[in-house]
Amino acid sequence: MKLSVIKLDGKAAGDVELSDAVFGLTDIRGDLLARTVTWQLAKRRAGTHKVQTRNENSRTGKKMYKQKGTGGARHGSRRAPQFVGGSRAFGPVVRDHGFSLPKKVRALALRHALSSKVKAGDLVVVDSLTVKEAKTATLRATFGKLGWNKALIIAGPEVDANFGLAARNIPHIDVLPNAGLNVYDILRADKLVLTKAAIEAIEARFAEKEAA
């Protein structure tokens, strides 16, 4: 599969050959994408919500009243959840919300996410992403001309320092190195922008997985 390559100024810069095994999947599986997004968001949760249990409540532990002879129900402590000031029953505790997802599923979901952008015509390949000066206003104007209003930009093995500084304050623009490529960010962006170096690294990564 061939795709046109452009420069940052919008001019043509030739073509690039994309691997059909990575970018050419036609039957996009939404179930894989949903599983992977859920896995990513679950890992991101802090899990620090916490309530006091009965043994942590500082309220008195003295028996409310004698066991027999009052005509009322038997109670042992004011820390019980049915009383004002008592502890909450079955409340949240600190825990890890993450769960395991097989590597093969994650890798396949990434291929489906990449292919979905190609299928929708939302994948853009650029020659390179470097700028001489870290000027946010200039880069925002460039993105506006290119139609990159909400984009995920994968800049290659490393992000150019000036480009990263200029782009970091532009709303809805995420700039990541190859290592940051993930399903959730791909799907929530309107445009996926890859450099030629990023494409080579992605295809090499999947080639190694298949060889293994």
N, C-alpha and C. Protein backbone atom coordinates (compact mmCIF):
# COMPACT_ATOMS: atom_id res chain seq x y z
N MET A 1 0.84 -1.18 0.00
CA MET A 1 0.00 0.00 0.00
C MET A 1 0.89 1.25 0.00
N LYS A 2 0.60 2.16 -0.92
CA LYS A 2 1.38 3.39 -1.01
C LYS A 2 0.58 4.56 -0.44
N LEU A 3 1.31 5.46 0.20
CA LEU A 3 0.70 6.65 0.76
C LEU A 3 1.61 7.84 0.48
N SER A 4 1.00 8.97 0.18
CA SER A 4 1.78 10.17 -0.12
C SER A 4 2.44 10.72 1.14
N VAL A 5 3.63 11.28 0.94
CA VAL A 5 4.37 11.89 2.04
C VAL A 5 4.41 13.39 1.79
N ILE A 6 4.22 14.16 2.86
CA ILE A 6 4.28 15.61 2.74
C ILE A 6 5.36 16.16 3.68
N LYS A 7 5.72 17.40 3.45
CA LYS A 7 6.61 18.11 4.36
C LYS A 7 5.76 18.94 5.32
N LEU A 8 6.41 19.51 6.31
CA LEU A 8 5.66 20.28 7.31
C LEU A 8 5.02 21.53 6.70
N ASP A 9 5.54 21.99 5.58
CA ASP A 9 4.94 23.15 4.92
C ASP A 9 3.82 22.76 3.96
N GLY A 10 3.50 21.46 3.88
CA GLY A 10 2.40 20.99 3.05
C GLY A 10 2.80 20.54 1.67
N LYS A 11 4.06 20.72 1.28
CA LYS A 11 4.51 20.32 -0.05
C LYS A 11 4.74 18.80 -0.11
N ALA A 12 4.59 18.25 -1.32
CA ALA A 12 4.75 16.81 -1.50
C ALA A 12 6.21 16.41 -1.32
N ALA A 13 6.41 15.21 -0.79
CA ALA A 13 7.77 14.70 -0.57
C ALA A 13 7.87 13.24 -0.97
N GLY A 14 7.13 12.83 -2.01
CA GLY A 14 7.22 11.47 -2.51
C GLY A 14 6.16 10.56 -1.91
N ASP A 15 6.44 9.26 -1.96
CA ASP A 15 5.53 8.24 -1.44
C ASP A 15 6.26 7.33 -0.47
N VAL A 16 5.48 6.60 0.30
CA VAL A 16 6.03 5.61 1.21
C VAL A 16 5.20 4.34 1.08
N GLU A 17 5.86 3.20 1.16
CA GLU A 17 5.19 1.90 1.07
C GLU A 17 4.85 1.43 2.48
N LEU A 18 3.57 1.17 2.74
CA LEU A 18 3.13 0.72 4.05
C LEU A 18 2.88 -0.78 4.04
N SER A 19 3.20 -1.42 5.14
CA SER A 19 2.99 -2.86 5.26
C SER A 19 1.50 -3.16 5.42
N ASP A 20 0.98 -4.05 4.58
CA ASP A 20 -0.43 -4.43 4.68
C ASP A 20 -0.73 -5.17 5.98
N ALA A 21 0.29 -5.85 6.52
CA ALA A 21 0.08 -6.61 7.76
C ALA A 21 -0.12 -5.69 8.96
N VAL A 22 0.36 -4.47 8.86
CA VAL A 22 0.26 -3.52 9.97
C VAL A 22 -0.79 -2.44 9.71
N PHE A 23 -0.80 -1.90 8.49
CA PHE A 23 -1.67 -0.78 8.16
C PHE A 23 -2.81 -1.14 7.22
N GLY A 24 -2.85 -2.39 6.76
CA GLY A 24 -3.82 -2.73 5.73
C GLY A 24 -4.94 -3.64 6.15
N LEU A 25 -5.21 -3.79 7.43
CA LEU A 25 -6.32 -4.64 7.88
C LEU A 25 -7.64 -3.97 7.51
N THR A 26 -8.53 -4.72 6.91
CA THR A 26 -9.80 -4.15 6.43
C THR A 26 -10.97 -4.41 7.38
N ASP A 27 -10.95 -5.57 8.04
CA ASP A 27 -12.03 -5.92 8.95
C ASP A 27 -11.63 -5.48 10.36
N ILE A 28 -11.95 -4.23 10.71
CA ILE A 28 -11.53 -3.67 11.99
C ILE A 28 -12.38 -4.25 13.12
N ARG A 29 -11.70 -4.82 14.10
CA ARG A 29 -12.40 -5.47 15.22
C ARG A 29 -12.57 -4.49 16.38
N GLY A 30 -13.79 -4.05 16.55
CA GLY A 30 -14.09 -3.11 17.63
C GLY A 30 -13.94 -3.72 19.00
N ASP A 31 -14.14 -5.06 19.10
CA ASP A 31 -14.04 -5.70 20.41
C ASP A 31 -12.60 -5.64 20.94
N LEU A 32 -11.62 -5.83 20.05
CA LEU A 32 -10.23 -5.75 20.47
C LEU A 32 -9.86 -4.33 20.90
N LEU A 33 -10.34 -3.36 20.15
CA LEU A 33 -10.05 -1.97 20.49
C LEU A 33 -10.68 -1.60 21.83
N ALA A 34 -11.91 -2.05 22.06
CA ALA A 34 -12.59 -1.74 23.31
C ALA A 34 -11.88 -2.39 24.49
N ARG A 35 -11.44 -3.64 24.33
CA ARG A 35 -10.73 -4.32 25.42
C ARG A 35 -9.44 -3.59 25.77
N THR A 36 -8.73 -3.15 24.75
CA THR A 36 -7.44 -2.50 24.99
C THR A 36 -7.62 -1.13 25.61
N VAL A 37 -8.62 -0.37 25.15
CA VAL A 37 -8.87 0.94 25.74
C VAL A 37 -9.28 0.80 27.21
N THR A 38 -10.13 -0.18 27.50
CA THR A 38 -10.53 -0.42 28.89
C THR A 38 -9.34 -0.78 29.74
N TRP A 39 -8.44 -1.61 29.21
CA TRP A 39 -7.22 -2.01 29.92
C TRP A 39 -6.33 -0.80 30.19
N GLN A 40 -6.16 0.08 29.19
CA GLN A 40 -5.33 1.27 29.37
C GLN A 40 -5.91 2.21 30.43
N LEU A 41 -7.21 2.46 30.36
CA LEU A 41 -7.83 3.38 31.30
C LEU A 41 -7.88 2.80 32.71
N ALA A 42 -8.01 1.49 32.83
CA ALA A 42 -8.01 0.86 34.15
C ALA A 42 -6.63 0.98 34.80
N LYS A 43 -5.58 0.81 34.00
CA LYS A 43 -4.23 0.96 34.54
C LYS A 43 -3.95 2.37 35.01
N ARG A 44 -4.62 3.35 34.39
CA ARG A 44 -4.37 4.75 34.68
C ARG A 44 -5.05 5.22 35.97
N ARG A 45 -6.02 4.45 36.44
CA ARG A 45 -6.76 4.86 37.64
C ARG A 45 -5.87 4.81 38.88
N ALA A 46 -6.00 5.80 39.72
CA ALA A 46 -5.14 5.88 40.91
C ALA A 46 -5.53 4.83 41.94
N GLY A 47 -6.82 4.60 42.13
CA GLY A 47 -7.26 3.61 43.11
C GLY A 47 -7.00 4.03 44.55
N THR A 48 -6.93 5.33 44.81
CA THR A 48 -6.60 5.82 46.15
C THR A 48 -7.84 6.19 46.96
N HIS A 49 -9.03 5.90 46.44
CA HIS A 49 -10.25 6.20 47.20
C HIS A 49 -10.31 5.28 48.42
N LYS A 50 -10.73 5.84 49.56
CA LYS A 50 -10.65 5.08 50.81
C LYS A 50 -11.67 5.61 51.80
N VAL A 51 -12.33 4.69 52.52
CA VAL A 51 -13.18 5.07 53.64
C VAL A 51 -12.67 4.36 54.89
N GLN A 52 -13.09 4.86 56.04
CA GLN A 52 -12.67 4.23 57.30
C GLN A 52 -13.50 2.98 57.58
N THR A 53 -12.82 1.93 57.91
CA THR A 53 -13.51 0.72 58.35
C THR A 53 -13.70 0.80 59.88
N ARG A 54 -14.38 -0.17 60.43
CA ARG A 54 -14.73 -0.10 61.85
C ARG A 54 -13.50 -0.08 62.75
N ASN A 55 -12.45 -0.76 62.34
CA ASN A 55 -11.27 -0.79 63.20
C ASN A 55 -10.43 0.48 63.07
N GLU A 56 -10.76 1.35 62.08
CA GLU A 56 -10.02 2.60 61.90
C GLU A 56 -10.78 3.81 62.45
N ASN A 57 -12.05 3.66 62.72
CA ASN A 57 -12.87 4.76 63.22
C ASN A 57 -12.47 5.07 64.67
N SER A 58 -12.27 6.37 64.95
CA SER A 58 -11.81 6.76 66.28
C SER A 58 -12.94 6.94 67.29
N ARG A 59 -14.17 6.68 66.84
CA ARG A 59 -15.29 6.82 67.76
C ARG A 59 -15.22 5.75 68.84
N THR A 60 -15.88 5.99 69.95
CA THR A 60 -15.80 5.08 71.09
C THR A 60 -16.19 3.65 70.73
N GLY A 61 -15.54 2.72 71.34
CA GLY A 61 -15.88 1.31 71.14
C GLY A 61 -16.68 0.74 72.30
N LYS A 62 -17.05 1.63 73.19
CA LYS A 62 -17.81 1.18 74.36
C LYS A 62 -19.19 0.69 73.95
N LYS A 63 -19.66 -0.33 74.66
CA LYS A 63 -21.01 -0.86 74.37
C LYS A 63 -22.04 0.22 74.66
N MET A 64 -23.00 0.38 73.74
CA MET A 64 -23.97 1.48 73.82
C MET A 64 -24.81 1.41 75.10
N TYR A 65 -25.35 0.26 75.35
CA TYR A 65 -26.13 0.05 76.57
C TYR A 65 -26.12 -1.45 76.87
N LYS A 66 -26.66 -1.80 78.00
CA LYS A 66 -26.57 -3.20 78.42
C LYS A 66 -27.30 -4.11 77.44
N GLN A 67 -26.88 -5.36 77.45
CA GLN A 67 -27.38 -6.32 76.47
C GLN A 67 -28.87 -6.57 76.61
N LYS A 68 -29.33 -6.72 77.86
CA LYS A 68 -30.73 -7.14 78.07
C LYS A 68 -31.49 -6.10 78.91
N GLY A 69 -32.78 -6.15 78.78
CA GLY A 69 -33.64 -5.38 79.66
C GLY A 69 -34.04 -4.01 79.14
N THR A 70 -33.54 -3.58 77.99
CA THR A 70 -33.88 -2.24 77.49
C THR A 70 -35.10 -2.25 76.58
N GLY A 71 -35.43 -3.40 76.04
CA GLY A 71 -36.53 -3.49 75.08
C GLY A 71 -36.09 -3.14 73.66
N GLY A 72 -34.84 -2.74 73.52
CA GLY A 72 -34.32 -2.39 72.19
C GLY A 72 -33.45 -3.49 71.63
N ALA A 73 -33.04 -3.27 70.40
CA ALA A 73 -32.17 -4.26 69.75
C ALA A 73 -30.80 -4.29 70.42
N ARG A 74 -30.10 -5.40 70.26
CA ARG A 74 -28.79 -5.55 70.86
C ARG A 74 -27.72 -4.87 69.99
N HIS A 75 -26.94 -3.99 70.59
CA HIS A 75 -25.87 -3.32 69.86
C HIS A 75 -24.61 -3.34 70.70
N GLY A 76 -23.48 -3.45 70.01
CA GLY A 76 -22.21 -3.53 70.72
C GLY A 76 -21.35 -2.30 70.58
N SER A 77 -21.50 -1.50 69.50
CA SER A 77 -20.59 -0.39 69.27
C SER A 77 -21.26 0.69 68.43
N ARG A 78 -20.91 1.93 68.72
CA ARG A 78 -21.43 3.04 67.91
C ARG A 78 -20.67 3.18 66.58
N ARG A 79 -19.64 2.38 66.38
CA ARG A 79 -18.90 2.42 65.12
C ARG A 79 -19.62 1.66 64.00
N ALA A 80 -20.69 0.97 64.34
CA ALA A 80 -21.43 0.21 63.34
C ALA A 80 -22.00 1.14 62.27
N PRO A 81 -22.11 0.69 61.03
CA PRO A 81 -22.51 1.58 59.92
C PRO A 81 -23.92 2.13 60.01
N GLN A 82 -24.82 1.52 60.81
CA GLN A 82 -26.19 2.02 60.86
C GLN A 82 -26.33 3.25 61.75
N PHE A 83 -25.27 3.65 62.46
CA PHE A 83 -25.35 4.81 63.34
C PHE A 83 -24.64 6.01 62.74
N VAL A 84 -25.14 7.21 63.07
CA VAL A 84 -24.48 8.44 62.64
C VAL A 84 -23.07 8.48 63.24
N GLY A 85 -22.10 8.75 62.40
CA GLY A 85 -20.71 8.76 62.86
C GLY A 85 -20.05 7.40 62.77
N GLY A 86 -20.82 6.40 62.38
CA GLY A 86 -20.24 5.07 62.26
C GLY A 86 -19.49 4.91 60.93
N SER A 87 -18.88 3.76 60.76
CA SER A 87 -18.11 3.49 59.55
C SER A 87 -19.02 3.02 58.43
N ARG A 88 -18.54 3.21 57.19
CA ARG A 88 -19.33 2.79 56.04
C ARG A 88 -19.15 1.29 55.79
N ALA A 89 -20.25 0.65 55.46
CA ALA A 89 -20.20 -0.79 55.18
C ALA A 89 -19.81 -1.03 53.73
N PHE A 90 -18.82 -1.85 53.51
CA PHE A 90 -18.38 -2.25 52.17
C PHE A 90 -17.96 -1.05 51.30
N GLY A 91 -17.31 -0.09 51.91
CA GLY A 91 -16.85 1.09 51.18
C GLY A 91 -15.60 0.80 50.37
N PRO A 92 -15.18 1.74 49.51
CA PRO A 92 -13.98 1.53 48.69
C PRO A 92 -12.72 1.54 49.53
N VAL A 93 -11.76 0.77 49.11
CA VAL A 93 -10.45 0.72 49.76
C VAL A 93 -9.37 0.89 48.70
N VAL A 94 -8.17 1.21 49.11
CA VAL A 94 -7.07 1.39 48.17
C VAL A 94 -6.79 0.08 47.45
N ARG A 95 -6.79 0.15 46.12
CA ARG A 95 -6.55 -1.07 45.35
C ARG A 95 -6.08 -0.71 43.94
N ASP A 96 -5.55 -1.68 43.26
CA ASP A 96 -5.11 -1.51 41.89
C ASP A 96 -6.24 -1.95 40.96
N HIS A 97 -6.67 -1.06 40.08
CA HIS A 97 -7.78 -1.38 39.17
C HIS A 97 -7.29 -2.10 37.90
N GLY A 98 -5.99 -2.20 37.72
CA GLY A 98 -5.45 -2.81 36.51
C GLY A 98 -5.72 -4.30 36.44
N PHE A 99 -5.72 -4.80 35.22
CA PHE A 99 -5.87 -6.24 34.99
C PHE A 99 -4.96 -6.61 33.82
N SER A 100 -4.71 -7.88 33.67
CA SER A 100 -3.78 -8.32 32.63
C SER A 100 -4.48 -8.47 31.29
N LEU A 101 -3.74 -8.19 30.24
CA LEU A 101 -4.23 -8.37 28.87
C LEU A 101 -3.09 -8.97 28.07
N PRO A 102 -3.31 -10.08 27.38
CA PRO A 102 -2.20 -10.73 26.66
C PRO A 102 -1.50 -9.80 25.68
N LYS A 103 -0.20 -9.97 25.56
CA LYS A 103 0.60 -9.13 24.66
C LYS A 103 0.12 -9.26 23.21
N LYS A 104 -0.29 -10.45 22.82
CA LYS A 104 -0.74 -10.66 21.45
C LYS A 104 -2.02 -9.86 21.17
N VAL A 105 -2.89 -9.77 22.16
CA VAL A 105 -4.12 -9.00 22.00
C VAL A 105 -3.79 -7.51 21.87
N ARG A 106 -2.86 -7.03 22.70
CA ARG A 106 -2.48 -5.62 22.66
C ARG A 106 -1.83 -5.28 21.33
N ALA A 107 -0.97 -6.17 20.84
CA ALA A 107 -0.29 -5.92 19.57
C ALA A 107 -1.29 -5.92 18.41
N LEU A 108 -2.23 -6.86 18.44
CA LEU A 108 -3.22 -6.94 17.37
C LEU A 108 -4.13 -5.71 17.40
N ALA A 109 -4.49 -5.26 18.61
CA ALA A 109 -5.34 -4.07 18.72
C ALA A 109 -4.63 -2.84 18.17
N LEU A 110 -3.32 -2.75 18.37
CA LEU A 110 -2.58 -1.61 17.83
C LEU A 110 -2.58 -1.63 16.31
N ARG A 111 -2.45 -2.82 15.72
CA ARG A 111 -2.52 -2.93 14.26
C ARG A 111 -3.90 -2.53 13.75
N HIS A 112 -4.95 -2.93 14.45
CA HIS A 112 -6.31 -2.57 14.04
C HIS A 112 -6.54 -1.06 14.18
N ALA A 113 -5.97 -0.45 15.23
CA ALA A 113 -6.12 0.99 15.41
C ALA A 113 -5.41 1.75 14.29
N LEU A 114 -4.20 1.32 13.94
CA LEU A 114 -3.47 1.95 12.85
C LEU A 114 -4.21 1.79 11.52
N SER A 115 -4.71 0.58 11.29
CA SER A 115 -5.43 0.31 10.04
C SER A 115 -6.73 1.10 9.96
N SER A 116 -7.37 1.33 11.11
CA SER A 116 -8.62 2.09 11.11
C SER A 116 -8.39 3.52 10.66
N LYS A 117 -7.24 4.08 11.01
CA LYS A 117 -6.92 5.45 10.58
C LYS A 117 -6.65 5.49 9.07
N VAL A 118 -5.98 4.47 8.57
CA VAL A 118 -5.73 4.40 7.13
C VAL A 118 -7.05 4.25 6.38
N LYS A 119 -7.90 3.38 6.88
CA LYS A 119 -9.19 3.12 6.23
C LYS A 119 -10.06 4.37 6.20
N ALA A 120 -9.98 5.18 7.28
CA ALA A 120 -10.79 6.40 7.35
C ALA A 120 -10.15 7.58 6.63
N GLY A 121 -8.93 7.39 6.13
CA GLY A 121 -8.22 8.49 5.46
C GLY A 121 -7.66 9.52 6.42
N ASP A 122 -7.43 9.11 7.67
CA ASP A 122 -6.96 10.05 8.69
C ASP A 122 -5.50 9.82 9.08
N LEU A 123 -4.77 9.08 8.28
CA LEU A 123 -3.33 8.89 8.53
C LEU A 123 -2.55 9.82 7.62
N VAL A 124 -1.65 10.59 8.20
CA VAL A 124 -0.81 11.53 7.46
C VAL A 124 0.65 11.14 7.70
N VAL A 125 1.41 11.06 6.62
CA VAL A 125 2.84 10.75 6.73
C VAL A 125 3.63 12.00 6.35
N VAL A 126 4.55 12.38 7.22
CA VAL A 126 5.39 13.55 6.97
C VAL A 126 6.84 13.09 6.86
N ASP A 127 7.61 13.87 6.14
CA ASP A 127 9.01 13.54 5.93
C ASP A 127 9.78 13.60 7.25
N SER A 128 9.67 14.71 7.95
CA SER A 128 10.31 14.88 9.26
C SER A 128 9.60 16.01 10.01
N LEU A 129 9.82 16.06 11.31
CA LEU A 129 9.18 17.08 12.14
C LEU A 129 10.25 17.82 12.93
N THR A 130 10.84 18.80 12.29
CA THR A 130 11.85 19.64 12.93
C THR A 130 11.56 21.10 12.59
N VAL A 131 11.79 21.97 13.55
CA VAL A 131 11.64 23.41 13.33
C VAL A 131 12.88 24.12 13.85
N LYS A 132 13.19 25.27 13.28
CA LYS A 132 14.39 26.01 13.67
C LYS A 132 14.20 26.72 15.01
N GLU A 133 12.98 27.24 15.23
CA GLU A 133 12.70 27.97 16.46
C GLU A 133 11.47 27.40 17.16
N ALA A 134 11.48 27.43 18.47
CA ALA A 134 10.35 26.92 19.25
C ALA A 134 9.28 28.00 19.39
N LYS A 135 8.57 28.27 18.30
CA LYS A 135 7.53 29.30 18.27
C LYS A 135 6.16 28.64 18.19
N THR A 136 5.41 28.71 19.28
CA THR A 136 4.10 28.06 19.32
C THR A 136 3.13 28.67 18.32
N ALA A 137 3.10 29.98 18.21
CA ALA A 137 2.16 30.65 17.30
C ALA A 137 2.40 30.23 15.85
N THR A 138 3.67 30.15 15.48
CA THR A 138 4.02 29.74 14.10
C THR A 138 3.57 28.31 13.83
N LEU A 139 3.84 27.43 14.79
CA LEU A 139 3.47 26.01 14.60
C LEU A 139 1.96 25.83 14.61
N ARG A 140 1.24 26.61 15.43
CA ARG A 140 -0.22 26.52 15.44
C ARG A 140 -0.79 26.94 14.09
N ALA A 141 -0.21 27.96 13.50
CA ALA A 141 -0.66 28.40 12.18
C ALA A 141 -0.39 27.33 11.13
N THR A 142 0.76 26.67 11.23
CA THR A 142 1.10 25.58 10.31
C THR A 142 0.10 24.44 10.43
N PHE A 143 -0.21 24.06 11.67
CA PHE A 143 -1.17 22.98 11.89
C PHE A 143 -2.55 23.36 11.36
N GLY A 144 -2.92 24.62 11.49
CA GLY A 144 -4.21 25.07 10.99
C GLY A 144 -4.31 24.93 9.48
N LYS A 145 -3.24 25.26 8.79
CA LYS A 145 -3.22 25.13 7.33
C LYS A 145 -3.31 23.67 6.90
N LEU A 146 -2.68 22.79 7.70
CA LEU A 146 -2.69 21.36 7.37
C LEU A 146 -3.97 20.66 7.82
N GLY A 147 -4.78 21.34 8.65
CA GLY A 147 -6.01 20.74 9.15
C GLY A 147 -5.81 19.82 10.33
N TRP A 148 -4.71 20.02 11.05
CA TRP A 148 -4.43 19.20 12.24
C TRP A 148 -4.96 19.92 13.47
N ASN A 149 -6.25 19.82 13.70
CA ASN A 149 -6.86 20.48 14.85
C ASN A 149 -6.88 19.60 16.09
N LYS A 150 -6.98 18.31 15.88
CA LYS A 150 -6.95 17.35 16.99
C LYS A 150 -6.15 16.15 16.50
N ALA A 151 -4.87 16.13 16.83
CA ALA A 151 -3.99 15.15 16.20
C ALA A 151 -3.05 14.50 17.21
N LEU A 152 -2.73 13.26 16.92
CA LEU A 152 -1.65 12.56 17.62
C LEU A 152 -0.47 12.50 16.66
N ILE A 153 0.67 13.05 17.09
CA ILE A 153 1.85 13.13 16.24
C ILE A 153 2.93 12.22 16.82
N ILE A 154 3.34 11.23 16.05
CA ILE A 154 4.43 10.34 16.45
C ILE A 154 5.66 10.78 15.67
N ALA A 155 6.62 11.37 16.38
CA ALA A 155 7.70 12.10 15.73
C ALA A 155 8.91 11.24 15.38
N GLY A 156 8.95 9.98 15.83
CA GLY A 156 10.12 9.14 15.55
C GLY A 156 10.74 8.65 16.84
N PRO A 157 11.98 8.15 16.78
CA PRO A 157 12.63 7.65 18.00
C PRO A 157 12.71 8.70 19.10
N GLU A 158 12.92 9.96 18.72
CA GLU A 158 12.95 11.06 19.67
C GLU A 158 12.22 12.27 19.08
N VAL A 159 11.65 13.07 19.96
CA VAL A 159 10.97 14.29 19.51
C VAL A 159 11.99 15.42 19.43
N ASP A 160 11.98 16.13 18.29
CA ASP A 160 12.85 17.29 18.14
C ASP A 160 12.56 18.28 19.26
N ALA A 161 13.61 18.78 19.92
CA ALA A 161 13.44 19.62 21.10
C ALA A 161 12.61 20.87 20.81
N ASN A 162 12.94 21.57 19.73
CA ASN A 162 12.20 22.79 19.40
C ASN A 162 10.76 22.49 19.02
N PHE A 163 10.56 21.40 18.28
CA PHE A 163 9.20 21.02 17.87
C PHE A 163 8.36 20.67 19.10
N GLY A 164 8.94 19.91 20.02
CA GLY A 164 8.22 19.54 21.23
C GLY A 164 7.85 20.74 22.09
N LEU A 165 8.77 21.70 22.21
CA LEU A 165 8.50 22.91 22.99
C LEU A 165 7.40 23.75 22.33
N ALA A 166 7.46 23.87 21.01
CA ALA A 166 6.47 24.69 20.30
C ALA A 166 5.08 24.06 20.34
N ALA A 167 5.01 22.73 20.37
CA ALA A 167 3.71 22.05 20.26
C ALA A 167 3.06 21.75 21.60
N ARG A 168 3.79 21.84 22.69
CA ARG A 168 3.25 21.33 23.95
C ARG A 168 2.10 22.16 24.51
N ASN A 169 1.98 23.43 24.11
CA ASN A 169 0.89 24.27 24.61
C ASN A 169 -0.26 24.42 23.62
N ILE A 170 -0.21 23.68 22.53
CA ILE A 170 -1.30 23.75 21.55
C ILE A 170 -2.39 22.76 21.97
N PRO A 171 -3.63 23.23 22.16
CA PRO A 171 -4.70 22.33 22.61
C PRO A 171 -4.96 21.21 21.61
N HIS A 172 -5.26 20.02 22.14
CA HIS A 172 -5.66 18.85 21.36
C HIS A 172 -4.55 18.34 20.44
N ILE A 173 -3.31 18.70 20.70
CA ILE A 173 -2.18 18.19 19.94
C ILE A 173 -1.28 17.41 20.89
N ASP A 174 -1.07 16.14 20.62
CA ASP A 174 -0.18 15.31 21.43
C ASP A 174 1.01 14.89 20.58
N VAL A 175 2.21 15.15 21.08
CA VAL A 175 3.43 14.78 20.38
C VAL A 175 4.17 13.74 21.22
N LEU A 176 4.40 12.57 20.64
CA LEU A 176 5.02 11.46 21.37
C LEU A 176 6.12 10.83 20.52
N PRO A 177 7.11 10.21 21.18
CA PRO A 177 8.07 9.39 20.43
C PRO A 177 7.45 8.04 20.08
N ASN A 178 8.18 7.21 19.38
CA ASN A 178 7.65 5.89 18.97
C ASN A 178 7.17 5.08 20.17
N ALA A 179 7.90 5.17 21.28
CA ALA A 179 7.58 4.36 22.45
C ALA A 179 6.22 4.72 23.04
N GLY A 180 5.70 5.91 22.75
CA GLY A 180 4.44 6.34 23.32
C GLY A 180 3.21 5.97 22.52
N LEU A 181 3.40 5.32 21.37
CA LEU A 181 2.27 4.95 20.52
C LEU A 181 1.33 4.00 21.25
N ASN A 182 0.04 4.34 21.31
CA ASN A 182 -0.91 3.49 22.02
C ASN A 182 -2.30 3.61 21.38
N VAL A 183 -3.12 2.61 21.64
CA VAL A 183 -4.43 2.50 21.01
C VAL A 183 -5.36 3.64 21.41
N TYR A 184 -5.39 3.97 22.70
CA TYR A 184 -6.33 4.98 23.19
C TYR A 184 -6.08 6.33 22.53
N ASP A 185 -4.82 6.77 22.50
CA ASP A 185 -4.51 8.07 21.91
C ASP A 185 -4.76 8.09 20.39
N ILE A 186 -4.53 6.95 19.73
CA ILE A 186 -4.80 6.87 18.29
C ILE A 186 -6.29 7.08 18.02
N LEU A 187 -7.13 6.40 18.79
CA LEU A 187 -8.57 6.43 18.53
C LEU A 187 -9.21 7.77 18.88
N ARG A 188 -8.69 8.46 19.88
CA ARG A 188 -9.33 9.71 20.27
C ARG A 188 -8.86 10.90 19.45
N ALA A 189 -7.84 10.71 18.62
CA ALA A 189 -7.36 11.80 17.76
C ALA A 189 -8.08 11.75 16.42
N ASP A 190 -8.33 12.93 15.85
CA ASP A 190 -8.95 12.99 14.52
C ASP A 190 -7.93 12.62 13.44
N LYS A 191 -6.67 13.02 13.65
CA LYS A 191 -5.61 12.73 12.68
C LYS A 191 -4.46 12.02 13.38
N LEU A 192 -3.91 11.02 12.71
CA LEU A 192 -2.69 10.36 13.18
C LEU A 192 -1.57 10.76 12.24
N VAL A 193 -0.56 11.42 12.77
CA VAL A 193 0.55 11.92 11.97
C VAL A 193 1.80 11.10 12.32
N LEU A 194 2.38 10.46 11.32
CA LEU A 194 3.57 9.65 11.51
C LEU A 194 4.70 10.17 10.63
N THR A 195 5.90 10.17 11.15
CA THR A 195 7.06 10.46 10.31
C THR A 195 7.48 9.17 9.61
N LYS A 196 8.32 9.31 8.60
CA LYS A 196 8.82 8.12 7.90
C LYS A 196 9.63 7.24 8.86
N ALA A 197 10.38 7.88 9.75
CA ALA A 197 11.16 7.13 10.74
C ALA A 197 10.25 6.35 11.68
N ALA A 198 9.11 6.95 12.04
CA ALA A 198 8.16 6.28 12.93
C ALA A 198 7.56 5.05 12.25
N ILE A 199 7.23 5.17 10.96
CA ILE A 199 6.67 4.04 10.22
C ILE A 199 7.67 2.89 10.15
N GLU A 200 8.92 3.22 9.87
CA GLU A 200 9.96 2.18 9.82
C GLU A 200 10.08 1.47 11.16
N ALA A 201 10.04 2.23 12.25
CA ALA A 201 10.16 1.63 13.58
C ALA A 201 8.96 0.76 13.91
N ILE A 202 7.75 1.21 13.55
CA ILE A 202 6.53 0.44 13.83
C ILE A 202 6.55 -0.88 13.06
N GLU A 203 6.90 -0.82 11.78
CA GLU A 203 6.94 -2.04 10.98
C GLU A 203 8.03 -2.99 11.46
N ALA A 204 9.17 -2.44 11.86
CA ALA A 204 10.25 -3.29 12.40
C ALA A 204 9.82 -3.95 13.71
N ARG A 205 9.08 -3.23 14.51
CA ARG A 205 8.61 -3.77 15.79
C ARG A 205 7.69 -4.97 15.57
N PHE A 206 6.77 -4.86 14.61
CA PHE A 206 5.87 -5.99 14.36
C PHE A 206 6.57 -7.12 13.63
N ALA A 207 7.57 -6.80 12.82
CA ALA A 207 8.35 -7.84 12.15
C ALA A 207 9.11 -8.69 13.17
N GLU A 208 9.62 -8.05 14.21
CA GLU A 208 10.32 -8.78 15.28
C GLU A 208 9.38 -9.68 16.03
N LYS A 209 8.15 -9.20 16.28
CA LYS A 209 7.16 -10.02 17.00
C LYS A 209 6.81 -11.26 16.19
N GLU A 210 6.64 -11.09 14.87
CA GLU A 210 6.28 -12.24 14.04
C GLU A 210 7.43 -13.23 13.95
N ALA A 211 8.66 -12.71 13.92
CA ALA A 211 9.83 -13.59 13.85
C ALA A 211 9.98 -14.40 15.14
N ALA A 212 9.62 -13.74 16.27
CA ALA A 212 9.73 -14.42 17.55
C ALA A 212 8.65 -15.49 17.70
